Amino acid sequence: MTVRRVMPVIPSEAVEESRDFYGLLGFEEVMNLGWIATLASPTVPAAQVSLMTADKTAPVTPYMSVEVDDVDAVHAAVQAAGAEIVHPLQDEEWGVRRFFVRDPNGQVINVLSHR
């Protein structure tokens, strides 16, 4: 398994203001689905942060996202280890396959692969 990127997910009711603030740090909006906006560095595209009002299909907002090359393999490993799956493995309409898992600190992690 290869980790492709890791990005924090910041719960936000002030997405526009947050986008402007992170713009001061050099981030530019690269995706906006209305409920989630992703900002990235124009010079280091894998340096990203997401702003989320509420997840569209899951019951909780994740703490961070981890993009991997094989989400099915990670899901199998996490299940075998007995970790709590918070949101089931599924294909999403915006082009990712993902699941949520709770880490030992209680934080919810969105694990995904792009399709």
PDB file of N, CA and C in Angstrom:
ATOM      1  N   MET A   1       0.835  -1.180   0.000  1.00  0.00           N
ATOM      2  CA  MET A   1       0.000   0.000   0.000  1.00  0.00           C
ATOM      3  C   MET A   1       0.880   1.243   0.000  1.00  0.00           C
ATOM      4  N   THR A   2       0.469   2.229  -0.757  1.00  0.00           N
ATOM      5  CA  THR A   2       1.179   3.497  -0.827  1.00  0.00           C
ATOM      6  C   THR A   2       0.251   4.630  -0.404  1.00  0.00           C
ATOM      7  N   VAL A   3       0.730   5.485   0.495  1.00  0.00           N
ATOM      8  CA  VAL A   3      -0.012   6.687   0.860  1.00  0.00           C
ATOM      9  C   VAL A   3       0.331   7.754  -0.169  1.00  0.00           C
ATOM     10  N   ARG A   4      -0.684   8.325  -0.782  1.00  0.00           N
ATOM     11  CA  ARG A   4      -0.463   9.347  -1.809  1.00  0.00           C
ATOM     12  C   ARG A   4      -0.480  10.760  -1.243  1.00  0.00           C
ATOM     13  N   ARG A   5      -1.332  11.005  -0.262  1.00  0.00           N
ATOM     14  CA  ARG A   5      -1.394  12.316   0.391  1.00  0.00           C
ATOM     15  C   ARG A   5      -2.197  12.211   1.664  1.00  0.00           C
ATOM     16  N   VAL A   6      -1.966  13.150   2.544  1.00  0.00           N
ATOM     17  CA  VAL A   6      -2.711  13.258   3.792  1.00  0.00           C
ATOM     18  C   VAL A   6      -3.116  14.714   3.919  1.00  0.00           C
ATOM     19  N   MET A   7      -4.378  14.964   4.258  1.00  0.00           N
ATOM     20  CA  MET A   7      -4.805  16.346   4.421  1.00  0.00           C
ATOM     21  C   MET A   7      -5.760  16.479   5.590  1.00  0.00           C
ATOM     22  N   PRO A   8      -5.582  17.550   6.352  1.00  0.00           N
ATOM     23  CA  PRO A   8      -6.531  17.813   7.434  1.00  0.00           C
ATOM     24  C   PRO A   8      -7.880  18.235   6.861  1.00  0.00           C
ATOM     25  N   VAL A   9      -8.927  17.919   7.596  1.00  0.00           N
ATOM     26  CA  VAL A   9     -10.280  18.348   7.241  1.00  0.00           C
ATOM     27  C   VAL A   9     -10.744  19.253   8.370  1.00  0.00           C
ATOM     28  N   ILE A  10     -10.982  20.508   8.039  1.00  0.00           N
ATOM     29  CA  ILE A  10     -11.367  21.489   9.044  1.00  0.00           C
ATOM     30  C   ILE A  10     -12.874  21.717   8.967  1.00  0.00           C
ATOM     31  N   PRO A  11     -13.608  21.365  10.032  1.00  0.00           N
ATOM     32  CA  PRO A  11     -15.043  21.676  10.040  1.00  0.00           C
ATOM     33  C   PRO A  11     -15.206  23.192   9.976  1.00  0.00           C
ATOM     34  N   SER A  12     -16.091  23.663   9.099  1.00  0.00           N
ATOM     35  CA  SER A  12     -16.217  25.109   8.922  1.00  0.00           C
ATOM     36  C   SER A  12     -17.634  25.512   8.555  1.00  0.00           C
ATOM     37  N   GLU A  13     -18.118  26.517   9.230  1.00  0.00           N
ATOM     38  CA  GLU A  13     -19.368  27.172   8.848  1.00  0.00           C
ATOM     39  C   GLU A  13     -19.047  28.473   8.116  1.00  0.00           C
ATOM     40  N   ALA A  14     -17.764  28.759   7.958  1.00  0.00           N
ATOM     41  CA  ALA A  14     -17.295  29.987   7.311  1.00  0.00           C
ATOM     42  C   ALA A  14     -16.310  29.617   6.200  1.00  0.00           C
ATOM     43  N   VAL A  15     -16.790  28.871   5.212  1.00  0.00           N
ATOM     44  CA  VAL A  15     -15.906  28.353   4.166  1.00  0.00           C
ATOM     45  C   VAL A  15     -15.260  29.481   3.373  1.00  0.00           C
ATOM     46  N   GLU A  16     -16.019  30.481   2.970  1.00  0.00           N
ATOM     47  CA  GLU A  16     -15.441  31.587   2.191  1.00  0.00           C
ATOM     48  C   GLU A  16     -14.367  32.328   2.977  1.00  0.00           C
ATOM     49  N   GLU A  17     -14.662  32.638   4.226  1.00  0.00           N
ATOM     50  CA  GLU A  17     -13.690  33.340   5.056  1.00  0.00           C
ATOM     51  C   GLU A  17     -12.451  32.481   5.292  1.00  0.00           C
ATOM     52  N   SER A  18     -12.661  31.181   5.498  1.00  0.00           N
ATOM     53  CA  SER A  18     -11.536  30.264   5.698  1.00  0.00           C
ATOM     54  C   SER A  18     -10.702  30.146   4.421  1.00  0.00           C
ATOM     55  N   ARG A  19     -11.378  30.068   3.273  1.00  0.00           N
ATOM     56  CA  ARG A  19     -10.656  30.011   1.994  1.00  0.00           C
ATOM     57  C   ARG A  19      -9.790  31.255   1.833  1.00  0.00           C
ATOM     58  N   ASP A  20     -10.329  32.415   2.159  1.00  0.00           N
ATOM     59  CA  ASP A  20      -9.559  33.658   2.069  1.00  0.00           C
ATOM     60  C   ASP A  20      -8.376  33.641   3.037  1.00  0.00           C
ATOM     61  N   PHE A  21      -8.596  33.151   4.262  1.00  0.00           N
ATOM     62  CA  PHE A  21      -7.517  33.081   5.243  1.00  0.00           C
ATOM     63  C   PHE A  21      -6.396  32.171   4.752  1.00  0.00           C
ATOM     64  N   TYR A  22      -6.747  30.961   4.311  1.00  0.00           N
ATOM     65  CA  TYR A  22      -5.709  30.033   3.842  1.00  0.00           C
ATOM     66  C   TYR A  22      -5.055  30.508   2.555  1.00  0.00           C
ATOM     67  N   GLY A  23      -5.758  31.365   1.818  1.00  0.00           N
ATOM     68  CA  GLY A  23      -5.144  32.015   0.657  1.00  0.00           C
ATOM     69  C   GLY A  23      -3.974  32.897   1.068  1.00  0.00           C
ATOM     70  N   LEU A  24      -4.079  33.507   2.249  1.00  0.00           N
ATOM     71  CA  LEU A  24      -2.970  34.312   2.764  1.00  0.00           C
ATOM     72  C   LEU A  24      -1.728  33.461   3.013  1.00  0.00           C
ATOM     73  N   LEU A  25      -1.931  32.161   3.244  1.00  0.00           N
ATOM     74  CA  LEU A  25      -0.827  31.236   3.476  1.00  0.00           C
ATOM     75  C   LEU A  25      -0.333  30.589   2.177  1.00  0.00           C
ATOM     76  N   GLY A  26      -0.934  30.974   1.049  1.00  0.00           N
ATOM     77  CA  GLY A  26      -0.482  30.474  -0.247  1.00  0.00           C
ATOM     78  C   GLY A  26      -1.338  29.390  -0.867  1.00  0.00           C
ATOM     79  N   PHE A  27      -2.457  29.022  -0.220  1.00  0.00           N
ATOM     80  CA  PHE A  27      -3.329  27.991  -0.774  1.00  0.00           C
ATOM     81  C   PHE A  27      -4.302  28.576  -1.795  1.00  0.00           C
ATOM     82  N   GLU A  28      -4.653  27.759  -2.790  1.00  0.00           N
ATOM     83  CA  GLU A  28      -5.656  28.125  -3.798  1.00  0.00           C
ATOM     84  C   GLU A  28      -6.717  27.038  -3.848  1.00  0.00           C
ATOM     85  N   GLU A  29      -7.967  27.433  -4.086  1.00  0.00           N
ATOM     86  CA  GLU A  29      -9.052  26.458  -4.186  1.00  0.00           C
ATOM     87  C   GLU A  29      -8.869  25.607  -5.435  1.00  0.00           C
ATOM     88  N   VAL A  30      -8.910  24.277  -5.247  1.00  0.00           N
ATOM     89  CA  VAL A  30      -8.783  23.357  -6.374  1.00  0.00           C
ATOM     90  C   VAL A  30     -10.041  22.513  -6.558  1.00  0.00           C
ATOM     91  N   MET A  31     -10.935  22.515  -5.567  1.00  0.00           N
ATOM     92  CA  MET A  31     -12.189  21.777  -5.669  1.00  0.00           C
ATOM     93  C   MET A  31     -13.190  22.416  -4.716  1.00  0.00           C
ATOM     94  N   ASN A  32     -14.437  22.517  -5.168  1.00  0.00           N
ATOM     95  CA  ASN A  32     -15.500  23.007  -4.298  1.00  0.00           C
ATOM     96  C   ASN A  32     -16.787  22.302  -4.699  1.00  0.00           C
ATOM     97  N   LEU A  33     -17.271  21.426  -3.818  1.00  0.00           N
ATOM     98  CA  LEU A  33     -18.509  20.692  -4.077  1.00  0.00           C
ATOM     99  C   LEU A  33     -19.695  21.287  -3.317  1.00  0.00           C
ATOM    100  N   GLY A  34     -19.493  22.446  -2.723  1.00  0.00           N
ATOM    101  CA  GLY A  34     -20.555  23.088  -1.952  1.00  0.00           C
ATOM    102  C   GLY A  34     -20.481  22.751  -0.478  1.00  0.00           C
ATOM    103  N   TRP A  35     -20.290  21.501  -0.148  1.00  0.00           N
ATOM    104  CA  TRP A  35     -20.193  21.057   1.248  1.00  0.00           C
ATOM    105  C   TRP A  35     -18.747  20.811   1.667  1.00  0.00           C
ATOM    106  N   ILE A  36     -17.857  20.709   0.700  1.00  0.00           N
ATOM    107  CA  ILE A  36     -16.421  20.563   0.959  1.00  0.00           C
ATOM    108  C   ILE A  36     -15.656  21.351  -0.101  1.00  0.00           C
ATOM    109  N   ALA A  37     -14.639  22.064   0.368  1.00  0.00           N
ATOM    110  CA  ALA A  37     -13.725  22.775  -0.541  1.00  0.00           C
ATOM    111  C   ALA A  37     -12.313  22.316  -0.203  1.00  0.00           C
ATOM    112  N   THR A  38     -11.529  22.040  -1.222  1.00  0.00           N
ATOM    113  CA  THR A  38     -10.140  21.650  -1.015  1.00  0.00           C
ATOM    114  C   THR A  38      -9.246  22.733  -1.562  1.00  0.00           C
ATOM    115  N   LEU A  39      -8.253  23.098  -0.758  1.00  0.00           N
ATOM    116  CA  LEU A  39      -7.279  24.118  -1.116  1.00  0.00           C
ATOM    117  C   LEU A  39      -5.928  23.442  -1.231  1.00  0.00           C
ATOM    118  N   ALA A  40      -5.122  23.879  -2.191  1.00  0.00           N
ATOM    119  CA  ALA A  40      -3.802  23.271  -2.392  1.00  0.00           C
ATOM    120  C   ALA A  40      -2.769  24.338  -2.665  1.00  0.00           C
ATOM    121  N   SER A  41      -1.526  23.990  -2.396  1.00  0.00           N
ATOM    122  CA  SER A  41      -0.404  24.846  -2.758  1.00  0.00           C
ATOM    123  C   SER A  41      -0.204  24.747  -4.270  1.00  0.00           C
ATOM    124  N   PRO A  42      -0.079  25.875  -4.964  1.00  0.00           N
ATOM    125  CA  PRO A  42       0.143  25.809  -6.411  1.00  0.00           C
ATOM    126  C   PRO A  42       1.524  25.255  -6.770  1.00  0.00           C
ATOM    127  N   THR A  43       2.472  25.303  -5.853  1.00  0.00           N
ATOM    128  CA  THR A  43       3.819  24.811  -6.142  1.00  0.00           C
ATOM    129  C   THR A  43       4.056  23.395  -5.629  1.00  0.00           C
ATOM    130  N   VAL A  44       3.286  22.974  -4.610  1.00  0.00           N
ATOM    131  CA  VAL A  44       3.370  21.615  -4.058  1.00  0.00           C
ATOM    132  C   VAL A  44       1.937  21.097  -3.965  1.00  0.00           C
ATOM    133  N   PRO A  45       1.369  20.605  -5.077  1.00  0.00           N
ATOM    134  CA  PRO A  45      -0.055  20.265  -5.116  1.00  0.00           C
ATOM    135  C   PRO A  45      -0.529  19.259  -4.072  1.00  0.00           C
ATOM    136  N   ALA A  46       0.352  18.413  -3.557  1.00  0.00           N
ATOM    137  CA  ALA A  46      -0.067  17.448  -2.541  1.00  0.00           C
ATOM    138  C   ALA A  46      -0.222  18.095  -1.170  1.00  0.00           C
ATOM    139  N   ALA A  47       0.253  19.334  -0.997  1.00  0.00           N
ATOM    140  CA  ALA A  47       0.052  20.070   0.255  1.00  0.00           C
ATOM    141  C   ALA A  47      -1.355  20.663   0.202  1.00  0.00           C
ATOM    142  N   GLN A  48      -2.274  20.070   0.955  1.00  0.00           N
ATOM    143  CA  GLN A  48      -3.680  20.433   0.853  1.00  0.00           C
ATOM    144  C   GLN A  48      -4.337  20.527   2.223  1.00  0.00           C
ATOM    145  N   VAL A  49      -5.449  21.240   2.242  1.00  0.00           N
ATOM    146  CA  VAL A  49      -6.328  21.314   3.401  1.00  0.00           C
ATOM    147  C   VAL A  49      -7.756  21.353   2.855  1.00  0.00           C
ATOM    148  N   SER A  50      -8.676  20.700   3.556  1.00  0.00           N
ATOM    149  CA  SER A  50     -10.077  20.739   3.153  1.00  0.00           C
ATOM    150  C   SER A  50     -10.902  21.446   4.206  1.00  0.00           C
ATOM    151  N   LEU A  51     -11.931  22.147   3.761  1.00  0.00           N
ATOM    152  CA  LEU A  51     -12.889  22.835   4.621  1.00  0.00           C
ATOM    153  C   LEU A  51     -14.242  22.169   4.391  1.00  0.00           C
ATOM    154  N   MET A  52     -14.901  21.720   5.458  1.00  0.00           N
ATOM    155  CA  MET A  52     -16.132  20.958   5.287  1.00  0.00           C
ATOM    156  C   MET A  52     -17.236  21.472   6.208  1.00  0.00           C
ATOM    157  N   THR A  53     -18.416  21.713   5.625  1.00  0.00           N
ATOM    158  CA  THR A  53     -19.568  22.082   6.440  1.00  0.00           C
ATOM    159  C   THR A  53     -20.148  20.843   7.116  1.00  0.00           C
ATOM    160  N   ALA A  54     -20.348  19.783   6.351  1.00  0.00           N
ATOM    161  CA  ALA A  54     -20.820  18.483   6.848  1.00  0.00           C
ATOM    162  C   ALA A  54     -20.632  17.498   5.712  1.00  0.00           C
ATOM    163  N   ASP A  55     -20.288  16.266   6.042  1.00  0.00           N
ATOM    164  CA  ASP A  55     -20.073  15.279   4.998  1.00  0.00           C
ATOM    165  C   ASP A  55     -21.389  14.955   4.303  1.00  0.00           C
ATOM    166  N   LYS A  56     -21.345  14.811   2.980  1.00  0.00           N
ATOM    167  CA  LYS A  56     -22.562  14.600   2.205  1.00  0.00           C
ATOM    168  C   LYS A  56     -23.205  13.237   2.453  1.00  0.00           C
ATOM    169  N   THR A  57     -22.412  12.189   2.634  1.00  0.00           N
ATOM    170  CA  THR A  57     -22.996  10.848   2.747  1.00  0.00           C
ATOM    171  C   THR A  57     -22.679  10.126   4.047  1.00  0.00           C
ATOM    172  N   ALA A  58     -21.859  10.717   4.900  1.00  0.00           N
ATOM    173  CA  ALA A  58     -21.468  10.047   6.142  1.00  0.00           C
ATOM    174  C   ALA A  58     -22.049  10.780   7.350  1.00  0.00           C
ATOM    175  N   PRO A  59     -22.198  10.069   8.470  1.00  0.00           N
ATOM    176  CA  PRO A  59     -22.821  10.667   9.647  1.00  0.00           C
ATOM    177  C   PRO A  59     -21.918  11.602  10.458  1.00  0.00           C
ATOM    178  N   VAL A  60     -20.632  11.617  10.158  1.00  0.00           N
ATOM    179  CA  VAL A  60     -19.685  12.445  10.905  1.00  0.00           C
ATOM    180  C   VAL A  60     -18.732  13.144   9.943  1.00  0.00           C
ATOM    181  N   THR A  61     -18.103  14.202  10.436  1.00  0.00           N
ATOM    182  CA  THR A  61     -17.062  14.893   9.672  1.00  0.00           C
ATOM    183  C   THR A  61     -15.718  14.296  10.078  1.00  0.00           C
ATOM    184  N   PRO A  62     -14.935  13.831   9.108  1.00  0.00           N
ATOM    185  CA  PRO A  62     -13.650  13.236   9.472  1.00  0.00           C
ATOM    186  C   PRO A  62     -12.646  14.288   9.922  1.00  0.00           C
ATOM    187  N   TYR A  63     -11.658  13.833  10.672  1.00  0.00           N
ATOM    188  CA  TYR A  63     -10.568  14.660  11.179  1.00  0.00           C
ATOM    189  C   TYR A  63      -9.535  14.922  10.086  1.00  0.00           C
ATOM    190  N   MET A  64      -9.308  13.903   9.255  1.00  0.00           N
ATOM    191  CA  MET A  64      -8.385  14.041   8.134  1.00  0.00           C
ATOM    192  C   MET A  64      -8.716  13.008   7.085  1.00  0.00           C
ATOM    193  N   SER A  65      -8.157  13.231   5.897  1.00  0.00           N
ATOM    194  CA  SER A  65      -8.285  12.283   4.790  1.00  0.00           C
ATOM    195  C   SER A  65      -6.915  11.730   4.463  1.00  0.00           C
ATOM    196  N   VAL A  66      -6.889  10.436   4.174  1.00  0.00           N
ATOM    197  CA  VAL A  66      -5.665   9.770   3.741  1.00  0.00           C
ATOM    198  C   VAL A  66      -5.977   9.094   2.416  1.00  0.00           C
ATOM    199  N   GLU A  67      -5.313   9.556   1.349  1.00  0.00           N
ATOM    200  CA  GLU A  67      -5.486   8.931   0.047  1.00  0.00           C
ATOM    201  C   GLU A  67      -4.451   7.835  -0.109  1.00  0.00           C
ATOM    202  N   VAL A  68      -4.919   6.641  -0.459  1.00  0.00           N
ATOM    203  CA  VAL A  68      -4.047   5.486  -0.656  1.00  0.00           C
ATOM    204  C   VAL A  68      -4.236   4.943  -2.068  1.00  0.00           C
ATOM    205  N   ASP A  69      -3.314   4.090  -2.495  1.00  0.00           N
ATOM    206  CA  ASP A  69      -3.425   3.542  -3.845  1.00  0.00           C
ATOM    207  C   ASP A  69      -4.408   2.375  -3.926  1.00  0.00           C
ATOM    208  N   ASP A  70      -4.719   1.717  -2.791  1.00  0.00           N
ATOM    209  CA  ASP A  70      -5.617   0.559  -2.791  1.00  0.00           C
ATOM    210  C   ASP A  70      -6.498   0.591  -1.543  1.00  0.00           C
ATOM    211  N   VAL A  71      -7.603   1.298  -1.629  1.00  0.00           N
ATOM    212  CA  VAL A  71      -8.488   1.461  -0.472  1.00  0.00           C
ATOM    213  C   VAL A  71      -9.097   0.130  -0.034  1.00  0.00           C
ATOM    214  N   ASP A  72      -9.310  -0.787  -0.963  1.00  0.00           N
ATOM    215  CA  ASP A  72      -9.884  -2.082  -0.596  1.00  0.00           C
ATOM    216  C   ASP A  72      -8.920  -2.871   0.300  1.00  0.00           C
ATOM    217  N   ALA A  73      -7.635  -2.836  -0.025  1.00  0.00           N
ATOM    218  CA  ALA A  73      -6.632  -3.533   0.787  1.00  0.00           C
ATOM    219  C   ALA A  73      -6.530  -2.912   2.176  1.00  0.00           C
ATOM    220  N   VAL A  74      -6.579  -1.587   2.253  1.00  0.00           N
ATOM    221  CA  VAL A  74      -6.515  -0.917   3.559  1.00  0.00           C
ATOM    222  C   VAL A  74      -7.758  -1.251   4.373  1.00  0.00           C
ATOM    223  N   HIS A  75      -8.905  -1.254   3.732  1.00  0.00           N
ATOM    224  CA  HIS A  75     -10.149  -1.597   4.417  1.00  0.00           C
ATOM    225  C   HIS A  75     -10.061  -3.008   5.002  1.00  0.00           C
ATOM    226  N   ALA A  76      -9.563  -3.954   4.225  1.00  0.00           N
ATOM    227  CA  ALA A  76      -9.424  -5.330   4.699  1.00  0.00           C
ATOM    228  C   ALA A  76      -8.472  -5.406   5.896  1.00  0.00           C
ATOM    229  N   ALA A  77      -7.358  -4.675   5.832  1.00  0.00           N
ATOM    230  CA  ALA A  77      -6.387  -4.689   6.932  1.00  0.00           C
ATOM    231  C   ALA A  77      -6.971  -4.074   8.196  1.00  0.00           C
ATOM    232  N   VAL A  78      -7.710  -2.978   8.048  1.00  0.00           N
ATOM    233  CA  VAL A  78      -8.321  -2.299   9.184  1.00  0.00           C
ATOM    234  C   VAL A  78      -9.381  -3.193   9.826  1.00  0.00           C
ATOM    235  N   GLN A  79     -10.182  -3.838   8.990  1.00  0.00           N
ATOM    236  CA  GLN A  79     -11.199  -4.756   9.516  1.00  0.00           C
ATOM    237  C   GLN A  79     -10.551  -5.921  10.250  1.00  0.00           C
ATOM    238  N   ALA A  80      -9.512  -6.498   9.663  1.00  0.00           N
ATOM    239  CA  ALA A  80      -8.832  -7.635  10.275  1.00  0.00           C
ATOM    240  C   ALA A  80      -8.229  -7.262  11.635  1.00  0.00           C
ATOM    241  N   ALA A  81      -7.822  -5.999  11.763  1.00  0.00           N
ATOM    242  CA  ALA A  81      -7.242  -5.523  13.027  1.00  0.00           C
ATOM    243  C   ALA A  81      -8.309  -5.213  14.073  1.00  0.00           C
ATOM    244  N   GLY A  82      -9.581  -5.214  13.657  1.00  0.00           N
ATOM    245  CA  GLY A  82     -10.671  -4.968  14.599  1.00  0.00           C
ATOM    246  C   GLY A  82     -10.982  -3.510  14.858  1.00  0.00           C
ATOM    247  N   ALA A  83     -10.469  -2.612  14.014  1.00  0.00           N
ATOM    248  CA  ALA A  83     -10.752  -1.185  14.180  1.00  0.00           C
ATOM    249  C   ALA A  83     -12.216  -0.894  13.860  1.00  0.00           C
ATOM    250  N   GLU A  84     -12.734   0.173  14.448  1.00  0.00           N
ATOM    251  CA  GLU A  84     -14.143   0.546  14.247  1.00  0.00           C
ATOM    252  C   GLU A  84     -14.328   1.241  12.906  1.00  0.00           C
ATOM    253  N   ILE A  85     -15.126   0.645  12.046  1.00  0.00           N
ATOM    254  CA  ILE A  85     -15.505   1.265  10.777  1.00  0.00           C
ATOM    255  C   ILE A  85     -16.699   2.166  11.074  1.00  0.00           C
ATOM    256  N   VAL A  86     -16.545   3.452  10.814  1.00  0.00           N
ATOM    257  CA  VAL A  86     -17.573   4.443  11.133  1.00  0.00           C
ATOM    258  C   VAL A  86     -18.516   4.657   9.950  1.00  0.00           C
ATOM    259  N   HIS A  87     -17.976   4.507   8.745  1.00  0.00           N
ATOM    260  CA  HIS A  87     -18.745   4.692   7.503  1.00  0.00           C
ATOM    261  C   HIS A  87     -18.280   3.597   6.553  1.00  0.00           C
ATOM    262  N   PRO A  88     -19.188   2.843   5.949  1.00  0.00           N
ATOM    263  CA  PRO A  88     -18.785   1.675   5.164  1.00  0.00           C
ATOM    264  C   PRO A  88     -18.036   2.036   3.880  1.00  0.00           C
ATOM    265  N   LEU A  89     -17.291   1.071   3.395  1.00  0.00           N
ATOM    266  CA  LEU A  89     -16.595   1.207   2.119  1.00  0.00           C
ATOM    267  C   LEU A  89     -17.621   1.350   1.012  1.00  0.00           C
ATOM    268  N   GLN A  90     -17.497   2.427   0.233  1.00  0.00           N
ATOM    269  CA  GLN A  90     -18.448   2.636  -0.857  1.00  0.00           C
ATOM    270  C   GLN A  90     -17.872   3.580  -1.899  1.00  0.00           C
ATOM    271  N   ASP A  91     -18.426   3.483  -3.099  1.00  0.00           N
ATOM    272  CA  ASP A  91     -18.092   4.397  -4.184  1.00  0.00           C
ATOM    273  C   ASP A  91     -18.962   5.630  -4.052  1.00  0.00           C
ATOM    274  N   GLU A  92     -18.342   6.799  -4.184  1.00  0.00           N
ATOM    275  CA  GLU A  92     -19.069   8.063  -4.085  1.00  0.00           C
ATOM    276  C   GLU A  92     -19.198   8.695  -5.462  1.00  0.00           C
ATOM    277  N   GLU A  93     -20.257   9.465  -5.650  1.00  0.00           N
ATOM    278  CA  GLU A  93     -20.552  10.056  -6.951  1.00  0.00           C
ATOM    279  C   GLU A  93     -19.500  11.059  -7.419  1.00  0.00           C
ATOM    280  N   TRP A  94     -18.658  11.561  -6.525  1.00  0.00           N
ATOM    281  CA  TRP A  94     -17.634  12.536  -6.908  1.00  0.00           C
ATOM    282  C   TRP A  94     -16.306  11.873  -7.267  1.00  0.00           C
ATOM    283  N   GLY A  95     -16.324  10.542  -7.469  1.00  0.00           N
ATOM    284  CA  GLY A  95     -15.171   9.870  -8.050  1.00  0.00           C
ATOM    285  C   GLY A  95     -14.185   9.232  -7.097  1.00  0.00           C
ATOM    286  N   VAL A  96     -14.590   9.006  -5.851  1.00  0.00           N
ATOM    287  CA  VAL A  96     -13.699   8.323  -4.910  1.00  0.00           C
ATOM    288  C   VAL A  96     -14.381   7.072  -4.374  1.00  0.00           C
ATOM    289  N   ARG A  97     -13.567   6.147  -3.905  1.00  0.00           N
ATOM    290  CA  ARG A  97     -14.031   4.986  -3.141  1.00  0.00           C
ATOM    291  C   ARG A  97     -13.439   5.187  -1.759  1.00  0.00           C
ATOM    292  N   ARG A  98     -14.277   5.108  -0.707  1.00  0.00           N
ATOM    293  CA  ARG A  98     -13.782   5.477   0.612  1.00  0.00           C
ATOM    294  C   ARG A  98     -14.521   4.766   1.732  1.00  0.00           C
ATOM    295  N   PHE A  99     -13.914   4.856   2.913  1.00  0.00           N
ATOM    296  CA  PHE A  99     -14.552   4.439   4.160  1.00  0.00           C
ATOM    297  C   PHE A  99     -13.975   5.308   5.271  1.00  0.00           C
ATOM    298  N   PHE A 100     -14.655   5.332   6.416  1.00  0.00           N
ATOM    299  CA  PHE A 100     -14.174   6.058   7.587  1.00  0.00           C
ATOM    300  C   PHE A 100     -13.842   5.037   8.666  1.00  0.00           C
ATOM    301  N   VAL A 101     -12.739   5.280   9.375  1.00  0.00           N
ATOM    302  CA  VAL A 101     -12.322   4.427  10.483  1.00  0.00           C
ATOM    303  C   VAL A 101     -11.954   5.320  11.666  1.00  0.00           C
ATOM    304  N   ARG A 102     -12.202   4.830  12.879  1.00  0.00           N
ATOM    305  CA  ARG A 102     -11.855   5.588  14.087  1.00  0.00           C
ATOM    306  C   ARG A 102     -10.468   5.145  14.559  1.00  0.00           C
ATOM    307  N   ASP A 103      -9.577   6.126  14.797  1.00  0.00           N
ATOM    308  CA  ASP A 103      -8.232   5.809  15.280  1.00  0.00           C
ATOM    309  C   ASP A 103      -8.255   5.605  16.806  1.00  0.00           C
ATOM    310  N   PRO A 104      -7.156   5.149  17.412  1.00  0.00           N
ATOM    311  CA  PRO A 104      -7.141   4.895  18.856  1.00  0.00           C
ATOM    312  C   PRO A 104      -7.416   6.124  19.719  1.00  0.00           C
ATOM    313  N   ASN A 105      -7.278   7.335  19.136  1.00  0.00           N
ATOM    314  CA  ASN A 105      -7.555   8.568  19.873  1.00  0.00           C
ATOM    315  C   ASN A 105      -8.996   9.020  19.735  1.00  0.00           C
ATOM    316  N   GLY A 106      -9.786   8.262  18.980  1.00  0.00           N
ATOM    317  CA  GLY A 106     -11.183   8.618  18.772  1.00  0.00           C
ATOM    318  C   GLY A 106     -11.432   9.483  17.549  1.00  0.00           C
ATOM    319  N   GLN A 107     -10.372   9.814  16.822  1.00  0.00           N
ATOM    320  CA  GLN A 107     -10.524  10.651  15.618  1.00  0.00           C
ATOM    321  C   GLN A 107     -10.994   9.800  14.441  1.00  0.00           C
ATOM    322  N   VAL A 108     -11.863  10.368  13.619  1.00  0.00           N
ATOM    323  CA  VAL A 108     -12.379   9.668  12.448  1.00  0.00           C
ATOM    324  C   VAL A 108     -11.525  10.036  11.237  1.00  0.00           C
ATOM    325  N   ILE A 109     -11.048   9.007  10.535  1.00  0.00           N
ATOM    326  CA  ILE A 109     -10.179   9.174   9.376  1.00  0.00           C
ATOM    327  C   ILE A 109     -10.922   8.718   8.126  1.00  0.00           C
ATOM    328  N   ASN A 110     -10.938   9.563   7.115  1.00  0.00           N
ATOM    329  CA  ASN A 110     -11.491   9.245   5.801  1.00  0.00           C
ATOM    330  C   ASN A 110     -10.364   8.618   4.982  1.00  0.00           C
ATOM    331  N   VAL A 111     -10.507   7.349   4.603  1.00  0.00           N
ATOM    332  CA  VAL A 111      -9.503   6.654   3.799  1.00  0.00           C
ATOM    333  C   VAL A 111     -10.093   6.475   2.412  1.00  0.00           C
ATOM    334  N   LEU A 112      -9.360   6.903   1.388  1.00  0.00           N
ATOM    335  CA  LEU A 112      -9.928   6.947   0.052  1.00  0.00           C
ATOM    336  C   LEU A 112      -8.919   6.629  -1.041  1.00  0.00           C
ATOM    337  N   SER A 113      -9.458   6.243  -2.180  1.00  0.00           N
ATOM    338  CA  SER A 113      -8.719   6.151  -3.436  1.00  0.00           C
ATOM    339  C   SER A 113      -9.579   6.808  -4.499  1.00  0.00           C
ATOM    340  N   HIS A 114      -8.953   7.467  -5.431  1.00  0.00           N
ATOM    341  CA  HIS A 114      -9.695   7.999  -6.578  1.00  0.00           C
ATOM    342  C   HIS A 114      -9.940   6.859  -7.554  1.00  0.00           C
ATOM    343  N   ARG A 115     -11.130   6.870  -8.159  1.00  0.00           N
ATOM    344  CA  ARG A 115     -11.457   5.839  -9.150  1.00  0.00           C
ATOM    345  C   ARG A 115     -11.043   6.288 -10.515  1.00  0.00           C
TER     346      ARG A 115
END
